[in-house]
Amino acid sequence: MKIRNLLGVTLLLAFSALAEPALRPNDRVVFVGDSITGQSINHPNGFLHQLKWALGEVKSNTAPALIALGGSGQSVGSWMSVEQRSRTAETFLDIKGVDVRATLDAGADVLIVMLGMNDLLAPYVTERTEDLDAWAGRYRLLLHALRDRAKPRVTALATITLLTEDPSSPKNRVRSELNRRVAEIATAEKCVLIQTGDEMLRLLQRGRTLKPDFHVTGDFCHPNALGHTAIAMAMMKGLGETEVANTLAAHYLTDLVTAAKPQERAQPSPTSIPCWRVAAGIPNQAAWPGNVFNPTNSVLPFEASLLRGEGFDQPLTHKGKTVPWTLYASSVNYTGGADPASVDAYGIVFCEPFEALYAVRWVYSEKERPVDVTLGSKLFAGTLGMTVWLNSAQLYAKTLTDEPKKTATVPATLHRGWNTLLVKCDHLTWQWQFSCSLSGRDGDTLSDLRYSAEPQR
């Protein structure tokens, strides 16, 4: 009850100072976007479902018609192709029966564009300023094409929502740069700016003050029910619909925060959480001939030294790029959650296609014993080639994401004393997360194991 009241009241107050309402009776509102816009209908608590309810409550028989054109994997550039194709042919995206051609040709009173997530996720952009500026140029061209086609009275641009729930992650830092360009386009093109990203972050930050594992995404990219509420409220705030925004907050935050309360679970003590020593972002396109992982092609010049136990205190250099070693600890903000076996490269580097990382930790065992080494991944999109060594003996060298349920278990033996567990992950594209854990056999709990991210011999 405390969580429900605090979140509800705080967000109601956020809508106390708004512009004049932009919606008129029976407007036709068209949303252009990616899978998040697709989920606005396909998710049972998607933001269009929430908006339809709230607009019906406030505007009754004059509520606008809402139509979503959301496509999984769509970027700004690919939406330009969708728009072109739909000029002459039926074109369907994620929402069954909704034709892009018919929708745009019928026009829109209000057009809302929310794109850019897949440009970050795949990614289709780099961190370079000139690349981000080129993205903004494509965005502007798409905007012109959509406006010329649908002829809206009001055009609104929604900012990109969170990618990872860490606002300082490399992905979210670049997201901020893209959103800054969206805001500049909105000003130059006389569009309404809808702060969907900021509204989702505010909800996350308020929730985290009450629950350490509060989430606004379901997979650290797509919004969960509460994330959809934040998007819906931001839409109404941007369009000046104060009463609708407050109606959303009063109804959905009270219901959904309670429903989303996580199960209580024991948290490991800080001393039991082992870090990884990671070097991420090493260019290695050779590992992917024909976009298929080849472990032999993957071998990098310094790998032999690492297998000898050398070089973990020196940056790795390949093809003109120098990559430092850094300590990585899992957290609730990234794919894999707080599982200490997990590594999400999104927490370390921006993650461009065809990059590799090495992750190492040292494991102390009081005795020699058999163990199982289990690899896994919680990606919803992405391709990972994995190579694993224990004490320089190769245990695994395959495409992990081709395994059933993206999981593989191999037998191994821990020696008495310190053991070196070295993992190499070659990343093709999209998400980049894996886990590597040890489990005992015959009732062995491995409770005596100690971990270090500092080189041991």
Protein backbone atom coordinates (compact mmCIF):
# COMPACT_ATOMS: atom_id res chain seq x y z
CA MET A 1 0.00 0.00 0.00
CA LYS A 2 2.86 2.37 0.80
CA ILE A 3 4.43 1.77 -2.62
CA ARG A 4 1.14 2.24 -4.40
CA ASN A 5 0.29 5.57 -2.74
CA LEU A 6 3.75 7.09 -3.04
CA LEU A 7 4.16 6.26 -6.74
CA GLY A 8 0.63 7.25 -7.63
CA VAL A 9 0.66 10.62 -5.89
CA THR A 10 4.15 11.53 -7.06
CA LEU A 11 3.33 10.90 -10.70
CA LEU A 12 0.02 12.70 -10.49
CA LEU A 13 1.90 15.81 -9.36
CA ALA A 14 4.23 15.48 -12.36
CA PHE A 15 1.37 16.52 -14.65
CA SER A 16 0.39 19.72 -12.85
CA ALA A 17 1.80 22.14 -15.45
CA LEU A 18 0.85 21.30 -19.05
CA ALA A 19 0.20 22.98 -22.38
CA GLU A 20 -3.22 23.23 -24.02
CA PRO A 21 -4.64 19.83 -25.08
CA ALA A 22 -3.69 18.85 -28.64
CA LEU A 23 -6.37 16.22 -29.22
CA ARG A 24 -9.72 17.09 -30.76
CA PRO A 25 -12.94 15.05 -30.72
CA ASN A 26 -12.68 11.84 -32.76
CA ASP A 27 -9.15 12.49 -33.96
CA ARG A 28 -7.32 9.77 -35.83
CA VAL A 29 -3.96 9.14 -34.08
CA VAL A 30 -1.32 7.03 -35.86
CA PHE A 31 1.76 5.67 -34.05
CA VAL A 32 4.86 4.77 -36.08
CA GLY A 33 7.48 2.63 -34.35
CA ASP A 34 9.20 -0.68 -33.75
CA SER A 35 8.37 -3.70 -31.58
CA ILE A 36 7.62 -1.46 -28.59
CA THR A 37 4.84 0.16 -30.62
CA GLY A 38 3.81 -3.31 -31.77
CA GLN A 39 3.56 -4.40 -28.14
CA SER A 40 1.34 -1.39 -27.42
CA ILE A 41 -1.40 -3.68 -28.77
CA ASN A 42 0.15 -7.15 -28.60
CA HIS A 43 1.10 -6.84 -24.91
CA PRO A 44 -2.02 -7.26 -22.74
CA ASN A 45 -1.11 -4.06 -20.86
CA GLY A 46 0.44 -2.24 -23.82
CA PHE A 47 0.33 1.53 -23.88
CA LEU A 48 -2.40 1.69 -26.57
CA HIS A 49 -4.66 -0.50 -24.45
CA GLN A 50 -4.03 1.82 -21.52
CA LEU A 51 -4.57 4.93 -23.62
CA LYS A 52 -7.81 3.61 -25.10
CA TRP A 53 -9.18 2.98 -21.62
CA ALA A 54 -8.09 6.35 -20.19
CA LEU A 55 -9.25 8.35 -23.22
CA GLY A 56 -12.58 6.54 -23.07
CA GLU A 57 -12.93 7.46 -19.40
CA VAL A 58 -12.15 11.14 -19.99
CA LYS A 59 -13.53 11.80 -23.48
CA SER A 60 -16.29 9.18 -23.69
CA ASN A 61 -17.89 9.25 -27.16
CA THR A 62 -15.37 11.75 -28.57
CA ALA A 63 -12.25 9.69 -27.82
CA PRO A 64 -9.76 9.51 -30.70
CA ALA A 65 -9.13 6.40 -32.78
CA LEU A 66 -5.65 4.97 -32.10
CA ILE A 67 -3.79 2.96 -34.75
CA ALA A 68 -0.34 1.43 -34.16
CA LEU A 69 2.17 0.71 -36.93
CA GLY A 70 4.87 -1.12 -34.99
CA GLY A 71 7.39 -3.52 -36.50
CA SER A 72 9.91 -5.76 -34.73
CA GLY A 73 13.49 -4.90 -35.60
CA GLN A 74 12.55 -1.71 -37.42
CA SER A 75 15.08 1.11 -37.39
CA VAL A 76 14.81 4.62 -38.75
CA GLY A 77 16.45 3.45 -41.97
CA SER A 78 14.32 0.34 -42.41
CA TRP A 79 11.14 2.32 -41.76
CA MET A 80 12.08 4.46 -44.76
CA SER A 81 11.92 1.25 -46.82
CA VAL A 82 8.60 0.28 -45.20
CA GLU A 83 7.12 3.65 -46.09
CA GLN A 84 8.33 3.41 -49.68
CA ARG A 85 7.09 -0.17 -50.12
CA SER A 86 3.70 0.66 -48.66
CA ARG A 87 3.07 3.25 -51.36
CA THR A 88 2.36 0.49 -53.88
CA ALA A 89 1.69 -2.68 -51.88
CA GLU A 90 -0.05 -3.91 -48.76
CA THR A 91 2.48 -3.91 -45.95
CA PHE A 92 1.94 -5.59 -42.59
CA LEU A 93 4.14 -5.34 -39.50
CA ASP A 94 3.53 -6.73 -35.99
CA ILE A 95 -0.16 -6.00 -35.53
CA LYS A 96 -2.40 -8.47 -37.29
CA GLY A 97 -4.61 -7.00 -39.97
CA VAL A 98 -3.23 -3.46 -39.80
CA ASP A 99 -1.94 -2.42 -43.23
CA VAL A 100 0.65 0.35 -43.37
CA ARG A 101 -0.47 1.36 -46.86
CA ALA A 102 -4.15 1.77 -45.98
CA THR A 103 -3.36 3.44 -42.66
CA LEU A 104 -1.04 6.12 -44.02
CA ASP A 105 -3.15 6.74 -47.12
CA ALA A 106 -6.19 7.35 -44.88
CA GLY A 107 -4.24 10.14 -43.19
CA ALA A 108 -3.76 11.11 -39.56
CA ASP A 109 -4.86 14.05 -37.45
CA VAL A 110 -2.04 13.28 -35.03
CA LEU A 111 1.13 11.40 -36.01
CA ILE A 112 3.45 10.07 -33.27
CA VAL A 113 6.86 8.64 -34.21
CA MET A 114 8.87 6.58 -31.69
CA LEU A 115 11.93 5.03 -33.31
CA GLY A 116 15.61 4.52 -32.55
CA MET A 117 15.71 1.55 -30.16
CA ASN A 118 16.87 -0.92 -32.80
CA ASP A 119 19.44 1.54 -34.10
CA LEU A 120 21.00 1.21 -30.63
CA LEU A 121 20.26 -2.46 -30.09
CA ALA A 122 21.55 -4.01 -33.33
CA PRO A 123 23.33 -1.52 -33.53
CA TYR A 124 22.88 0.34 -36.79
CA VAL A 125 24.85 3.32 -35.48
CA THR A 126 28.24 3.76 -33.87
CA GLU A 127 29.27 6.16 -31.12
CA ARG A 128 30.91 8.51 -33.62
CA THR A 129 29.37 11.98 -33.87
CA GLU A 130 29.22 11.89 -37.66
CA ASP A 131 27.33 8.58 -37.54
CA LEU A 132 24.80 9.93 -35.03
CA ASP A 133 24.33 13.03 -37.19
CA ALA A 134 23.74 10.82 -40.23
CA TRP A 135 21.08 8.95 -38.24
CA ALA A 136 19.39 12.27 -37.51
CA GLY A 137 19.45 13.03 -41.23
CA ARG A 138 17.65 9.76 -41.97
CA TYR A 139 15.15 10.50 -39.22
CA ARG A 140 14.35 13.87 -40.77
CA LEU A 141 13.86 12.33 -44.22
CA LEU A 142 11.49 9.70 -42.80
CA LEU A 143 9.58 12.39 -40.93
CA HIS A 144 9.12 14.40 -44.12
CA ALA A 145 7.87 11.33 -46.01
CA LEU A 146 5.38 10.42 -43.28
CA ARG A 147 4.06 13.96 -42.98
CA ASP A 148 3.70 14.37 -46.73
CA ARG A 149 1.78 11.12 -46.85
CA ALA A 150 -0.48 11.34 -43.77
CA LYS A 151 -0.77 15.16 -43.60
CA PRO A 152 -1.21 15.35 -39.82
CA ARG A 153 -2.41 18.45 -38.00
CA VAL A 154 -0.04 17.60 -35.13
CA THR A 155 3.22 15.65 -35.39
CA ALA A 156 4.93 14.40 -32.22
CA LEU A 157 8.34 12.78 -31.82
CA ALA A 158 8.76 10.43 -28.83
CA THR A 159 12.21 9.90 -27.37
CA ILE A 160 13.87 6.48 -27.23
CA THR A 161 13.13 4.57 -24.03
CA LEU A 162 15.65 2.83 -21.77
CA LEU A 163 18.07 0.23 -23.10
CA THR A 164 19.35 -1.45 -19.94
CA GLU A 165 18.03 0.04 -16.72
CA ASP A 166 21.32 1.75 -15.94
CA PRO A 167 21.07 5.36 -17.16
CA SER A 168 24.87 5.59 -17.34
CA SER A 169 25.37 2.45 -19.45
CA PRO A 170 27.16 2.90 -22.79
CA LYS A 171 23.90 2.20 -24.64
CA ASN A 172 21.97 4.80 -22.64
CA ARG A 173 24.73 7.38 -23.05
CA VAL A 174 24.42 7.05 -26.83
CA ARG A 175 20.62 6.99 -26.46
CA SER A 176 20.87 10.42 -24.81
CA GLU A 177 22.82 11.69 -27.81
CA LEU A 178 20.18 10.38 -30.21
CA ASN A 179 17.38 11.83 -28.09
CA ARG A 180 19.12 15.21 -28.12
CA ARG A 181 18.99 15.07 -31.91
CA VAL A 182 15.31 14.05 -31.81
CA ALA A 183 14.63 17.14 -29.69
CA GLU A 184 16.50 19.34 -32.18
CA ILE A 185 14.48 17.90 -35.07
CA ALA A 186 11.25 18.46 -33.14
CA THR A 187 12.13 22.12 -32.64
CA ALA A 188 13.24 22.68 -36.23
CA GLU A 189 10.24 20.86 -37.72
CA LYS A 190 7.68 22.35 -35.29
CA CYS A 191 6.80 18.97 -33.78
CA VAL A 192 5.69 18.16 -30.26
CA LEU A 193 8.45 16.45 -28.23
CA ILE A 194 7.23 13.56 -26.07
CA GLN A 195 9.67 12.64 -23.29
CA THR A 196 8.95 8.91 -23.12
CA GLY A 197 12.53 8.06 -22.14
CA ASP A 198 12.63 10.54 -19.26
CA GLU A 199 9.21 9.48 -17.96
CA MET A 200 10.23 5.84 -17.88
CA LEU A 201 13.47 6.72 -16.08
CA ARG A 202 11.62 8.79 -13.48
CA LEU A 203 9.31 5.88 -12.74
CA LEU A 204 12.28 3.52 -12.46
CA GLN A 205 14.12 5.82 -10.06
CA ARG A 206 11.08 6.29 -7.82
CA GLY A 207 10.41 2.58 -7.75
CA ARG A 208 14.03 1.78 -6.89
CA THR A 209 13.82 3.92 -3.75
CA LEU A 210 11.24 1.42 -2.48
CA LYS A 211 12.27 -1.88 -4.07
CA PRO A 212 15.88 -2.61 -5.09
CA ASP A 213 14.77 -4.84 -7.97
CA PHE A 214 11.92 -2.66 -9.27
CA HIS A 215 11.75 -2.80 -13.10
CA VAL A 216 10.10 -0.86 -15.91
CA THR A 217 11.23 -3.30 -18.60
CA GLY A 218 10.58 -6.98 -19.03
CA ASP A 219 13.90 -7.78 -20.72
CA PHE A 220 15.97 -4.60 -20.22
CA CYS A 221 14.67 -3.28 -23.55
CA HIS A 222 10.93 -3.81 -24.03
CA PRO A 223 8.75 -2.15 -21.38
CA ASN A 224 6.80 -4.22 -18.89
CA ALA A 225 3.28 -3.21 -17.89
CA LEU A 226 4.58 -0.32 -15.76
CA GLY A 227 6.92 0.78 -18.54
CA HIS A 228 3.95 0.93 -20.89
CA THR A 229 2.16 3.08 -18.30
CA ALA A 230 5.09 5.49 -18.27
CA ILE A 231 5.00 5.69 -22.09
CA ALA A 232 1.24 6.27 -22.12
CA MET A 233 1.51 9.04 -19.54
CA ALA A 234 4.38 10.67 -21.41
CA MET A 235 2.30 10.63 -24.59
CA MET A 236 -0.56 12.42 -22.86
CA LYS A 237 1.76 14.83 -21.08
CA GLY A 238 3.41 15.77 -24.38
CA LEU A 239 0.01 16.32 -26.01
CA GLY A 240 -1.22 18.45 -23.10
CA GLU A 241 -3.87 15.96 -21.98
CA THR A 242 -3.52 16.53 -18.23
CA GLU A 243 -6.70 14.80 -17.18
CA VAL A 244 -5.97 11.71 -19.24
CA ALA A 245 -2.42 11.52 -17.87
CA ASN A 246 -3.68 11.77 -14.30
CA THR A 247 -6.34 9.14 -14.99
CA LEU A 248 -3.64 6.77 -16.22
CA ALA A 249 -1.48 7.35 -13.15
CA ALA A 250 -4.34 6.97 -10.69
CA HIS A 251 -5.59 3.71 -12.23
CA TYR A 252 -2.65 1.82 -13.67
CA LEU A 253 0.05 2.65 -11.16
CA THR A 254 -2.05 1.53 -8.23
CA ASP A 255 -3.03 -1.71 -9.94
CA LEU A 256 0.21 -2.55 -11.70
CA VAL A 257 2.72 -1.68 -8.98
CA THR A 258 0.93 -4.02 -6.62
CA ALA A 259 0.73 -6.77 -9.24
CA ALA A 260 4.38 -6.34 -10.17
CA LYS A 261 5.69 -6.75 -6.61
CA PRO A 262 8.61 -9.19 -6.91
CA GLN A 263 8.84 -12.36 -4.90
CA GLU A 264 10.96 -12.14 -1.81
CA ARG A 265 14.27 -13.92 -2.26
CA ALA A 266 17.46 -14.26 -0.31
CA GLN A 267 20.21 -11.96 -1.49
CA PRO A 268 23.82 -13.18 -1.42
CA SER A 269 26.15 -11.34 0.88
CA PRO A 270 28.51 -8.90 -0.87
CA THR A 271 31.56 -11.08 -0.12
CA SER A 272 29.99 -14.06 -1.92
CA ILE A 273 29.49 -12.19 -5.22
CA PRO A 274 32.50 -12.83 -7.46
CA CYS A 275 33.45 -10.29 -10.09
CA TRP A 276 34.76 -11.06 -13.54
CA ARG A 277 37.87 -9.53 -15.06
CA VAL A 278 36.75 -8.54 -18.55
CA ALA A 279 38.27 -7.10 -21.70
CA ALA A 280 35.44 -6.24 -24.12
CA GLY A 281 35.15 -4.67 -27.56
CA ILE A 282 37.97 -6.43 -29.41
CA PRO A 283 37.38 -6.35 -33.21
CA ASN A 284 37.20 -9.93 -34.53
CA GLN A 285 35.14 -10.16 -37.70
CA ALA A 286 37.30 -13.10 -38.82
CA ALA A 287 35.42 -15.30 -36.33
CA TRP A 288 32.26 -15.01 -38.49
CA PRO A 289 32.90 -16.15 -42.09
CA GLY A 290 29.53 -15.98 -43.78
CA ASN A 291 28.09 -14.85 -40.42
CA VAL A 292 28.68 -18.36 -39.01
CA PHE A 293 30.90 -18.78 -35.96
CA ASN A 294 34.22 -20.51 -36.67
CA PRO A 295 36.26 -21.17 -33.49
CA THR A 296 39.47 -21.69 -35.46
CA ASN A 297 39.14 -18.34 -37.24
CA SER A 298 38.31 -16.74 -33.89
CA VAL A 299 41.79 -17.24 -32.39
CA LEU A 300 43.50 -13.90 -31.64
CA PRO A 301 47.28 -13.34 -31.48
CA PHE A 302 47.48 -12.86 -27.70
CA GLU A 303 45.32 -15.90 -26.84
CA ALA A 304 48.29 -18.22 -26.28
CA SER A 305 49.66 -15.82 -23.66
CA LEU A 306 46.34 -15.71 -21.83
CA LEU A 307 46.22 -19.51 -21.75
CA ARG A 308 49.66 -19.46 -20.14
CA GLY A 309 48.27 -17.19 -17.45
CA GLU A 310 49.98 -14.08 -18.79
CA GLY A 311 48.65 -10.71 -19.94
CA PHE A 312 45.71 -10.23 -17.58
CA ASP A 313 47.30 -7.03 -16.26
CA GLN A 314 47.98 -5.57 -19.72
CA PRO A 315 45.52 -4.06 -22.24
CA LEU A 316 44.77 -6.18 -25.28
CA THR A 317 45.52 -4.66 -28.69
CA HIS A 318 44.19 -5.91 -32.02
CA LYS A 319 43.66 -4.22 -35.38
CA GLY A 320 44.64 -0.83 -34.00
CA LYS A 321 42.24 -0.93 -31.04
CA THR A 322 43.46 -1.19 -27.45
CA VAL A 323 41.05 -2.69 -24.92
CA PRO A 324 41.71 -2.50 -21.16
CA TRP A 325 40.77 -5.10 -18.57
CA THR A 326 38.03 -3.97 -16.20
CA LEU A 327 36.19 -5.49 -13.25
CA TYR A 328 32.58 -6.41 -13.95
CA ALA A 329 29.91 -7.29 -11.38
CA SER A 330 26.41 -8.31 -12.45
CA SER A 331 23.46 -6.16 -11.41
CA VAL A 332 19.67 -5.89 -11.64
CA ASN A 333 20.09 -3.28 -14.41
CA TYR A 334 21.26 -5.69 -17.12
CA THR A 335 20.29 -8.87 -18.94
CA GLY A 336 21.09 -11.79 -16.66
CA GLY A 337 20.15 -9.75 -13.60
CA ALA A 338 22.21 -10.06 -10.42
CA ASP A 339 23.34 -13.61 -11.23
CA PRO A 340 27.08 -13.53 -10.36
CA ALA A 341 27.76 -15.93 -13.23
CA SER A 342 26.41 -13.44 -15.78
CA VAL A 343 28.27 -10.95 -17.98
CA ASP A 344 26.35 -8.38 -20.05
CA ALA A 345 28.74 -6.53 -22.34
CA TYR A 346 26.21 -3.67 -22.52
CA GLY A 347 27.48 -2.74 -19.07
CA ILE A 348 31.03 -2.31 -20.36
CA VAL A 349 31.08 -1.11 -23.98
CA PHE A 350 28.66 0.13 -26.65
CA CYS A 351 28.90 -3.25 -28.44
CA GLU A 352 29.26 -3.06 -32.18
CA PRO A 353 28.92 -6.12 -34.43
CA PHE A 354 31.82 -8.57 -34.79
CA GLU A 355 33.45 -7.80 -31.45
CA ALA A 356 34.83 -10.21 -28.86
CA LEU A 357 35.37 -10.19 -25.12
CA TYR A 358 37.39 -12.24 -22.67
CA ALA A 359 36.10 -12.83 -19.14
CA VAL A 360 38.25 -14.53 -16.52
CA ARG A 361 37.98 -15.40 -12.85
CA TRP A 362 40.11 -17.50 -10.57
CA VAL A 363 38.48 -20.21 -8.47
CA TYR A 364 40.05 -21.72 -5.35
CA SER A 365 39.08 -25.26 -4.40
CA GLU A 366 40.14 -27.05 -1.20
CA LYS A 367 40.37 -30.31 -3.12
CA GLU A 368 40.34 -31.84 -6.57
CA ARG A 369 36.74 -32.49 -7.61
CA PRO A 370 34.53 -33.05 -10.67
CA VAL A 371 32.22 -30.18 -11.64
CA ASP A 372 29.86 -29.21 -14.40
CA VAL A 373 30.41 -25.95 -16.28
CA THR A 374 27.10 -24.52 -17.53
CA LEU A 375 26.84 -21.83 -20.17
CA GLY A 376 23.63 -19.94 -20.81
CA SER A 377 22.19 -16.80 -22.31
CA LYS A 378 18.97 -14.83 -21.77
CA LEU A 379 19.02 -12.96 -25.08
CA PHE A 380 15.79 -12.36 -26.97
CA ALA A 381 17.91 -11.50 -30.03
CA GLY A 382 21.58 -12.03 -30.70
CA THR A 383 24.20 -14.56 -31.81
CA LEU A 384 27.13 -15.60 -29.60
CA GLY A 385 30.10 -17.84 -30.29
CA MET A 386 31.61 -19.19 -27.05
CA THR A 387 34.99 -20.70 -26.22
CA VAL A 388 35.69 -21.82 -22.64
CA TRP A 389 38.87 -23.04 -20.99
CA LEU A 390 39.52 -24.35 -17.47
CA ASN A 391 43.21 -24.36 -16.57
CA SER A 392 44.05 -23.92 -20.27
CA ALA A 393 42.08 -27.01 -21.33
CA GLN A 394 39.39 -26.16 -23.86
CA LEU A 395 35.95 -27.31 -22.72
CA TYR A 396 33.64 -25.77 -25.32
CA ALA A 397 33.83 -23.99 -28.69
CA LYS A 398 30.43 -23.59 -30.35
CA THR A 399 27.61 -21.15 -31.09
CA LEU A 400 25.85 -20.97 -27.73
CA THR A 401 22.74 -19.33 -29.15
CA ASP A 402 22.20 -22.38 -31.41
CA GLU A 403 22.01 -24.71 -28.38
CA PRO A 404 18.59 -25.86 -27.09
CA LYS A 405 17.30 -23.11 -24.77
CA LYS A 406 20.66 -21.35 -25.33
CA THR A 407 22.21 -23.56 -22.65
CA ALA A 408 25.09 -26.06 -22.64
CA THR A 409 26.73 -28.08 -19.84
CA VAL A 410 30.16 -29.72 -20.04
CA PRO A 411 32.08 -31.79 -17.47
CA ALA A 412 35.34 -30.55 -16.00
CA THR A 413 37.68 -31.01 -13.04
CA LEU A 414 38.78 -28.39 -10.51
CA HIS A 415 42.29 -28.89 -9.22
CA ARG A 416 43.25 -28.37 -5.58
CA GLY A 417 44.26 -24.72 -5.21
CA TRP A 418 43.65 -21.92 -7.72
CA ASN A 419 41.98 -22.67 -11.07
CA THR A 420 41.68 -20.31 -14.05
CA LEU A 421 38.26 -20.13 -15.73
CA LEU A 422 38.60 -18.22 -19.01
CA VAL A 423 35.65 -17.46 -21.29
CA LYS A 424 35.80 -15.92 -24.73
CA CYS A 425 32.58 -14.63 -26.30
CA ASP A 426 32.45 -13.61 -29.95
CA HIS A 427 29.46 -11.39 -30.70
CA LEU A 428 27.82 -11.21 -34.12
CA THR A 429 25.08 -8.62 -33.56
CA TRP A 430 22.13 -7.54 -31.36
CA GLN A 431 22.31 -8.36 -27.63
CA TRP A 432 25.45 -9.61 -25.90
CA GLN A 433 25.03 -11.48 -22.60
CA PHE A 434 26.04 -14.90 -21.29
CA SER A 435 26.54 -16.72 -18.02
CA CYS A 436 29.16 -19.29 -17.02
CA SER A 437 28.61 -21.14 -13.73
CA LEU A 438 30.01 -24.12 -11.83
CA SER A 439 27.93 -26.80 -10.13
CA GLY A 440 28.99 -29.78 -8.07
CA ARG A 441 28.14 -33.44 -8.43
CA ASP A 442 26.86 -36.07 -6.03
CA GLY A 443 25.59 -33.53 -3.54
CA ASP A 444 28.75 -31.37 -3.59
CA THR A 445 27.55 -27.81 -2.92
CA LEU A 446 30.93 -26.22 -3.75
CA SER A 447 30.44 -24.11 -0.61
CA ASP A 448 34.18 -23.92 0.07
CA LEU A 449 35.00 -22.32 -3.28
CA ARG A 450 36.55 -18.85 -3.29
CA TYR A 451 36.64 -16.52 -6.26
CA SER A 452 38.99 -13.74 -7.31
CA ALA A 453 39.11 -11.33 -10.21
CA GLU A 454 42.80 -10.69 -9.56
CA PRO A 455 45.35 -12.99 -11.20
CA GLN A 456 46.26 -15.97 -8.99
CA ARG A 457 48.81 -18.74 -9.37
